[in-house]
Amino acid sequence: MGVEGIFIRNISLGSLASEEGTLRVGDCVWEINNEDVSEESPAAIVKRLKDINGCFEIKVKRTSGT
């Protein structure tokens, strides 16, 4: 498909991601719960994230400039 995941565009103030502090705007979601999502469409990745109940782990790719 040639898609490269989805990029974090914003992090809401007060959200868990904001409080935890690891994610950065510009990060690219690469894995969710150790499953490669790099070739999935943005809509499919968002659906995966919305369908998760409880804790989850995501891995991101980050360019050195962000």
PDB file of N, CA and C in Angstrom:
ATOM      1  N   MET A   1       0.830  -1.193   0.000  1.00  0.00           N
ATOM      2  CA  MET A   1       0.000   0.000   0.000  1.00  0.00           C
ATOM      3  C   MET A   1       0.872   1.254   0.000  1.00  0.00           C
ATOM      4  N   GLY A   2       2.045   1.211   0.643  1.00  0.00           N
ATOM      5  CA  GLY A   2       2.941   2.350   0.625  1.00  0.00           C
ATOM      6  C   GLY A   2       2.625   3.439   1.631  1.00  0.00           C
ATOM      7  N   VAL A   3       1.693   3.198   2.521  1.00  0.00           N
ATOM      8  CA  VAL A   3       1.332   4.174   3.556  1.00  0.00           C
ATOM      9  C   VAL A   3       2.344   4.043   4.684  1.00  0.00           C
ATOM     10  N   GLU A   4       2.674   5.135   5.332  1.00  0.00           N
ATOM     11  CA  GLU A   4       3.597   5.062   6.463  1.00  0.00           C
ATOM     12  C   GLU A   4       2.902   5.472   7.741  1.00  0.00           C
ATOM     13  N   GLY A   5       1.955   4.694   8.205  1.00  0.00           N
ATOM     14  CA  GLY A   5       1.304   4.958   9.473  1.00  0.00           C
ATOM     15  C   GLY A   5       0.600   6.295   9.500  1.00  0.00           C
ATOM     16  N   ILE A   6       0.349   6.778  10.702  1.00  0.00           N
ATOM     17  CA  ILE A   6      -0.243   8.104  10.860  1.00  0.00           C
ATOM     18  C   ILE A   6       0.652   8.920  11.784  1.00  0.00           C
ATOM     19  N   PHE A   7       0.620  10.201  11.590  1.00  0.00           N
ATOM     20  CA  PHE A   7       1.448  11.096  12.376  1.00  0.00           C
ATOM     21  C   PHE A   7       0.620  11.769  13.458  1.00  0.00           C
ATOM     22  N   ILE A   8       1.222  11.922  14.621  1.00  0.00           N
ATOM     23  CA  ILE A   8       0.581  12.624  15.726  1.00  0.00           C
ATOM     24  C   ILE A   8       0.564  14.108  15.356  1.00  0.00           C
ATOM     25  N   ARG A   9      -0.627  14.669  15.229  1.00  0.00           N
ATOM     26  CA  ARG A   9      -0.761  16.083  14.842  1.00  0.00           C
ATOM     27  C   ARG A   9      -0.908  17.003  16.043  1.00  0.00           C
ATOM     28  N   ASN A  10      -1.528  16.507  17.095  1.00  0.00           N
ATOM     29  CA  ASN A  10      -1.651  17.308  18.304  1.00  0.00           C
ATOM     30  C   ASN A  10      -1.825  16.382  19.497  1.00  0.00           C
ATOM     31  N   ILE A  11      -1.515  16.898  20.659  1.00  0.00           N
ATOM     32  CA  ILE A  11      -1.685  16.171  21.913  1.00  0.00           C
ATOM     33  C   ILE A  11      -2.474  17.093  22.838  1.00  0.00           C
ATOM     34  N   SER A  12      -3.657  16.654  23.201  1.00  0.00           N
ATOM     35  CA  SER A  12      -4.548  17.490  24.000  1.00  0.00           C
ATOM     36  C   SER A  12      -3.995  17.702  25.404  1.00  0.00           C
ATOM     37  N   LEU A  13      -3.997  18.946  25.834  1.00  0.00           N
ATOM     38  CA  LEU A  13      -3.567  19.291  27.177  1.00  0.00           C
ATOM     39  C   LEU A  13      -4.446  18.563  28.184  1.00  0.00           C
ATOM     40  N   GLY A  14      -3.838  17.921  29.157  1.00  0.00           N
ATOM     41  CA  GLY A  14      -4.576  17.183  30.172  1.00  0.00           C
ATOM     42  C   GLY A  14      -4.890  15.748  29.806  1.00  0.00           C
ATOM     43  N   SER A  15      -4.588  15.340  28.562  1.00  0.00           N
ATOM     44  CA  SER A  15      -4.833  13.952  28.154  1.00  0.00           C
ATOM     45  C   SER A  15      -3.780  13.043  28.783  1.00  0.00           C
ATOM     46  N   LEU A  16      -4.035  11.742  28.747  1.00  0.00           N
ATOM     47  CA  LEU A  16      -3.050  10.786  29.269  1.00  0.00           C
ATOM     48  C   LEU A  16      -1.723  10.918  28.530  1.00  0.00           C
ATOM     49  N   ALA A  17      -1.794  11.107  27.214  1.00  0.00           N
ATOM     50  CA  ALA A  17      -0.564  11.258  26.433  1.00  0.00           C
ATOM     51  C   ALA A  17       0.206  12.500  26.864  1.00  0.00           C
ATOM     52  N   SER A  18      -0.511  13.563  27.157  1.00  0.00           N
ATOM     53  CA  SER A  18       0.123  14.800  27.603  1.00  0.00           C
ATOM     54  C   SER A  18       0.760  14.609  28.979  1.00  0.00           C
ATOM     55  N   GLU A  19       0.038  13.967  29.865  1.00  0.00           N
ATOM     56  CA  GLU A  19       0.546  13.734  31.223  1.00  0.00           C
ATOM     57  C   GLU A  19       1.753  12.800  31.220  1.00  0.00           C
ATOM     58  N   GLU A  20       1.698  11.756  30.396  1.00  0.00           N
ATOM     59  CA  GLU A  20       2.780  10.776  30.341  1.00  0.00           C
ATOM     60  C   GLU A  20       4.035  11.386  29.722  1.00  0.00           C
ATOM     61  N   GLY A  21       3.870  12.189  28.675  1.00  0.00           N
ATOM     62  CA  GLY A  21       4.964  12.983  28.142  1.00  0.00           C
ATOM     63  C   GLY A  21       5.884  12.356  27.111  1.00  0.00           C
ATOM     64  N   THR A  22       5.659  11.120  26.735  1.00  0.00           N
ATOM     65  CA  THR A  22       6.557  10.462  25.793  1.00  0.00           C
ATOM     66  C   THR A  22       6.265  10.815  24.343  1.00  0.00           C
ATOM     67  N   LEU A  23       4.983  10.856  23.959  1.00  0.00           N
ATOM     68  CA  LEU A  23       4.624  11.163  22.575  1.00  0.00           C
ATOM     69  C   LEU A  23       4.932  12.610  22.242  1.00  0.00           C
ATOM     70  N   ARG A  24       5.286  12.832  20.989  1.00  0.00           N
ATOM     71  CA  ARG A  24       5.538  14.186  20.496  1.00  0.00           C
ATOM     72  C   ARG A  24       4.781  14.407  19.198  1.00  0.00           C
ATOM     73  N   VAL A  25       4.374  15.635  18.962  1.00  0.00           N
ATOM     74  CA  VAL A  25       3.778  15.979  17.678  1.00  0.00           C
ATOM     75  C   VAL A  25       4.813  15.652  16.601  1.00  0.00           C
ATOM     76  N   GLY A  26       4.365  14.989  15.548  1.00  0.00           N
ATOM     77  CA  GLY A  26       5.265  14.577  14.468  1.00  0.00           C
ATOM     78  C   GLY A  26       5.666  13.119  14.542  1.00  0.00           C
ATOM     79  N   ASP A  27       5.449  12.462  15.692  1.00  0.00           N
ATOM     80  CA  ASP A  27       5.735  11.030  15.787  1.00  0.00           C
ATOM     81  C   ASP A  27       4.821  10.269  14.841  1.00  0.00           C
ATOM     82  N   CYS A  28       5.318   9.170  14.296  1.00  0.00           N
ATOM     83  CA  CYS A  28       4.540   8.324  13.401  1.00  0.00           C
ATOM     84  C   CYS A  28       4.217   7.017  14.123  1.00  0.00           C
ATOM     85  N   VAL A  29       2.932   6.689  14.240  1.00  0.00           N
ATOM     86  CA  VAL A  29       2.515   5.446  14.898  1.00  0.00           C
ATOM     87  C   VAL A  29       2.947   4.278  14.018  1.00  0.00           C
ATOM     88  N   TRP A  30       3.724   3.368  14.609  1.00  0.00           N
ATOM     89  CA  TRP A  30       4.319   2.282  13.841  1.00  0.00           C
ATOM     90  C   TRP A  30       3.803   0.914  14.275  1.00  0.00           C
ATOM     91  N   GLU A  31       3.561   0.731  15.581  1.00  0.00           N
ATOM     92  CA  GLU A  31       3.047  -0.532  16.100  1.00  0.00           C
ATOM     93  C   GLU A  31       2.027  -0.242  17.195  1.00  0.00           C
ATOM     94  N   ILE A  32       1.019  -1.093  17.273  1.00  0.00           N
ATOM     95  CA  ILE A  32       0.056  -1.054  18.364  1.00  0.00           C
ATOM     96  C   ILE A  32       0.038  -2.449  18.967  1.00  0.00           C
ATOM     97  N   ASN A  33       0.354  -2.526  20.257  1.00  0.00           N
ATOM     98  CA  ASN A  33       0.421  -3.819  20.953  1.00  0.00           C
ATOM     99  C   ASN A  33       1.250  -4.836  20.175  1.00  0.00           C
ATOM    100  N   ASN A  34       2.422  -4.409  19.741  1.00  0.00           N
ATOM    101  CA  ASN A  34       3.392  -5.244  19.020  1.00  0.00           C
ATOM    102  C   ASN A  34       2.917  -5.720  17.656  1.00  0.00           C
ATOM    103  N   GLU A  35       1.873  -5.115  17.105  1.00  0.00           N
ATOM    104  CA  GLU A  35       1.414  -5.443  15.751  1.00  0.00           C
ATOM    105  C   GLU A  35       1.766  -4.278  14.829  1.00  0.00           C
ATOM    106  N   ASP A  36       2.459  -4.588  13.739  1.00  0.00           N
ATOM    107  CA  ASP A  36       2.869  -3.580  12.768  1.00  0.00           C
ATOM    108  C   ASP A  36       1.647  -2.960  12.108  1.00  0.00           C
ATOM    109  N   VAL A  37       1.516  -1.643  12.202  1.00  0.00           N
ATOM    110  CA  VAL A  37       0.410  -0.925  11.553  1.00  0.00           C
ATOM    111  C   VAL A  37       0.937   0.056  10.510  1.00  0.00           C
ATOM    112  N   SER A  38       2.211  -0.056  10.185  1.00  0.00           N
ATOM    113  CA  SER A  38       2.851   0.921   9.294  1.00  0.00           C
ATOM    114  C   SER A  38       2.262   0.935   7.893  1.00  0.00           C
ATOM    115  N   GLU A  39       1.637  -0.141   7.475  1.00  0.00           N
ATOM    116  CA  GLU A  39       1.059  -0.203   6.136  1.00  0.00           C
ATOM    117  C   GLU A  39      -0.459  -0.017   6.145  1.00  0.00           C
ATOM    118  N   GLU A  40      -1.031   0.245   7.320  1.00  0.00           N
ATOM    119  CA  GLU A  40      -2.479   0.419   7.415  1.00  0.00           C
ATOM    120  C   GLU A  40      -2.861   1.865   7.128  1.00  0.00           C
ATOM    121  N   SER A  41      -4.091   2.047   6.703  1.00  0.00           N
ATOM    122  CA  SER A  41      -4.586   3.398   6.437  1.00  0.00           C
ATOM    123  C   SER A  41      -4.772   4.143   7.759  1.00  0.00           C
ATOM    124  N   PRO A  42      -4.720   5.458   7.707  1.00  0.00           N
ATOM    125  CA  PRO A  42      -4.984   6.229   8.932  1.00  0.00           C
ATOM    126  C   PRO A  42      -6.327   5.865   9.564  1.00  0.00           C
ATOM    127  N   ALA A  43      -7.366   5.659   8.762  1.00  0.00           N
ATOM    128  CA  ALA A  43      -8.681   5.306   9.306  1.00  0.00           C
ATOM    129  C   ALA A  43      -8.631   3.970  10.048  1.00  0.00           C
ATOM    130  N   ALA A  44      -7.902   2.998   9.514  1.00  0.00           N
ATOM    131  CA  ALA A  44      -7.785   1.688  10.161  1.00  0.00           C
ATOM    132  C   ALA A  44      -7.028   1.798  11.490  1.00  0.00           C
ATOM    133  N   ILE A  45      -6.001   2.628  11.520  1.00  0.00           N
ATOM    134  CA  ILE A  45      -5.225   2.803  12.753  1.00  0.00           C
ATOM    135  C   ILE A  45      -6.074   3.495  13.818  1.00  0.00           C
ATOM    136  N   VAL A  46      -6.795   4.525  13.433  1.00  0.00           N
ATOM    137  CA  VAL A  46      -7.673   5.218  14.386  1.00  0.00           C
ATOM    138  C   VAL A  46      -8.724   4.255  14.919  1.00  0.00           C
ATOM    139  N   LYS A  47      -9.298   3.426  14.049  1.00  0.00           N
ATOM    140  CA  LYS A  47     -10.298   2.451  14.499  1.00  0.00           C
ATOM    141  C   LYS A  47      -9.691   1.489  15.500  1.00  0.00           C
ATOM    142  N   ARG A  48      -8.496   0.984  15.200  1.00  0.00           N
ATOM    143  CA  ARG A  48      -7.814   0.080  16.140  1.00  0.00           C
ATOM    144  C   ARG A  48      -7.691   0.730  17.513  1.00  0.00           C
ATOM    145  N   LEU A  49      -7.235   1.974  17.529  1.00  0.00           N
ATOM    146  CA  LEU A  49      -7.031   2.668  18.800  1.00  0.00           C
ATOM    147  C   LEU A  49      -8.350   2.875  19.539  1.00  0.00           C
ATOM    148  N   LYS A  50      -9.401   3.233  18.822  1.00  0.00           N
ATOM    149  CA  LYS A  50     -10.704   3.448  19.457  1.00  0.00           C
ATOM    150  C   LYS A  50     -11.306   2.152  19.985  1.00  0.00           C
ATOM    151  N   ASP A  51     -10.986   1.023  19.361  1.00  0.00           N
ATOM    152  CA  ASP A  51     -11.540  -0.265  19.762  1.00  0.00           C
ATOM    153  C   ASP A  51     -10.839  -0.887  20.969  1.00  0.00           C
ATOM    154  N   ILE A  52      -9.735  -0.317  21.408  1.00  0.00           N
ATOM    155  CA  ILE A  52      -8.984  -0.867  22.534  1.00  0.00           C
ATOM    156  C   ILE A  52      -9.662  -0.489  23.844  1.00  0.00           C
ATOM    157  N   ASN A  53      -9.851  -1.495  24.684  1.00  0.00           N
ATOM    158  CA  ASN A  53     -10.339  -1.274  26.046  1.00  0.00           C
ATOM    159  C   ASN A  53      -9.174  -1.514  26.993  1.00  0.00           C
ATOM    160  N   GLY A  54      -8.898  -0.565  27.847  1.00  0.00           N
ATOM    161  CA  GLY A  54      -7.815  -0.738  28.805  1.00  0.00           C
ATOM    162  C   GLY A  54      -6.487  -0.247  28.265  1.00  0.00           C
ATOM    163  N   CYS A  55      -5.434  -0.793  28.835  1.00  0.00           N
ATOM    164  CA  CYS A  55      -4.072  -0.362  28.509  1.00  0.00           C
ATOM    165  C   CYS A  55      -3.646  -0.876  27.139  1.00  0.00           C
ATOM    166  N   PHE A  56      -2.752  -0.131  26.520  1.00  0.00           N
ATOM    167  CA  PHE A  56      -2.173  -0.551  25.260  1.00  0.00           C
ATOM    168  C   PHE A  56      -0.803   0.077  25.124  1.00  0.00           C
ATOM    169  N   GLU A  57      -0.042  -0.449  24.191  1.00  0.00           N
ATOM    170  CA  GLU A  57       1.304   0.062  23.924  1.00  0.00           C
ATOM    171  C   GLU A  57       1.390   0.449  22.460  1.00  0.00           C
ATOM    172  N   ILE A  58       1.936   1.616  22.207  1.00  0.00           N
ATOM    173  CA  ILE A  58       2.215   1.988  20.823  1.00  0.00           C
ATOM    174  C   ILE A  58       3.709   2.261  20.686  1.00  0.00           C
ATOM    175  N   LYS A  59       4.213   1.969  19.516  1.00  0.00           N
ATOM    176  CA  LYS A  59       5.589   2.305  19.177  1.00  0.00           C
ATOM    177  C   LYS A  59       5.517   3.300  18.043  1.00  0.00           C
ATOM    178  N   VAL A  60       6.395   4.279  18.087  1.00  0.00           N
ATOM    179  CA  VAL A  60       6.405   5.318  17.081  1.00  0.00           C
ATOM    180  C   VAL A  60       7.780   5.418  16.445  1.00  0.00           C
ATOM    181  N   LYS A  61       7.806   5.994  15.260  1.00  0.00           N
ATOM    182  CA  LYS A  61       9.060   6.386  14.623  1.00  0.00           C
ATOM    183  C   LYS A  61       9.156   7.888  14.805  1.00  0.00           C
ATOM    184  N   ARG A  62      10.329   8.356  15.070  1.00  0.00           N
ATOM    185  CA  ARG A  62      10.540   9.790  15.281  1.00  0.00           C
ATOM    186  C   ARG A  62      11.733  10.213  14.452  1.00  0.00           C
ATOM    187  N   THR A  63      11.540  11.300  13.708  1.00  0.00           N
ATOM    188  CA  THR A  63      12.681  11.855  12.984  1.00  0.00           C
ATOM    189  C   THR A  63      13.529  12.616  13.980  1.00  0.00           C
ATOM    190  N   SER A  64      14.789  12.734  13.714  1.00  0.00           N
ATOM    191  CA  SER A  64      15.688  13.385  14.659  1.00  0.00           C
ATOM    192  C   SER A  64      15.367  14.864  14.845  1.00  0.00           C
ATOM    193  N   GLY A  65      14.614  15.446  13.915  1.00  0.00           N
ATOM    194  CA  GLY A  65      14.296  16.863  14.006  1.00  0.00           C
ATOM    195  C   GLY A  65      13.125  17.195  14.918  1.00  0.00           C
ATOM    196  N   THR A  66      12.401  16.171  15.434  1.00  0.00           N
ATOM    197  CA  THR A  66      11.249  16.445  16.292  1.00  0.00           C
ATOM    198  C   THR A  66      11.505  16.089  17.714  1.00  0.00           C
TER     199      THR A  66
END
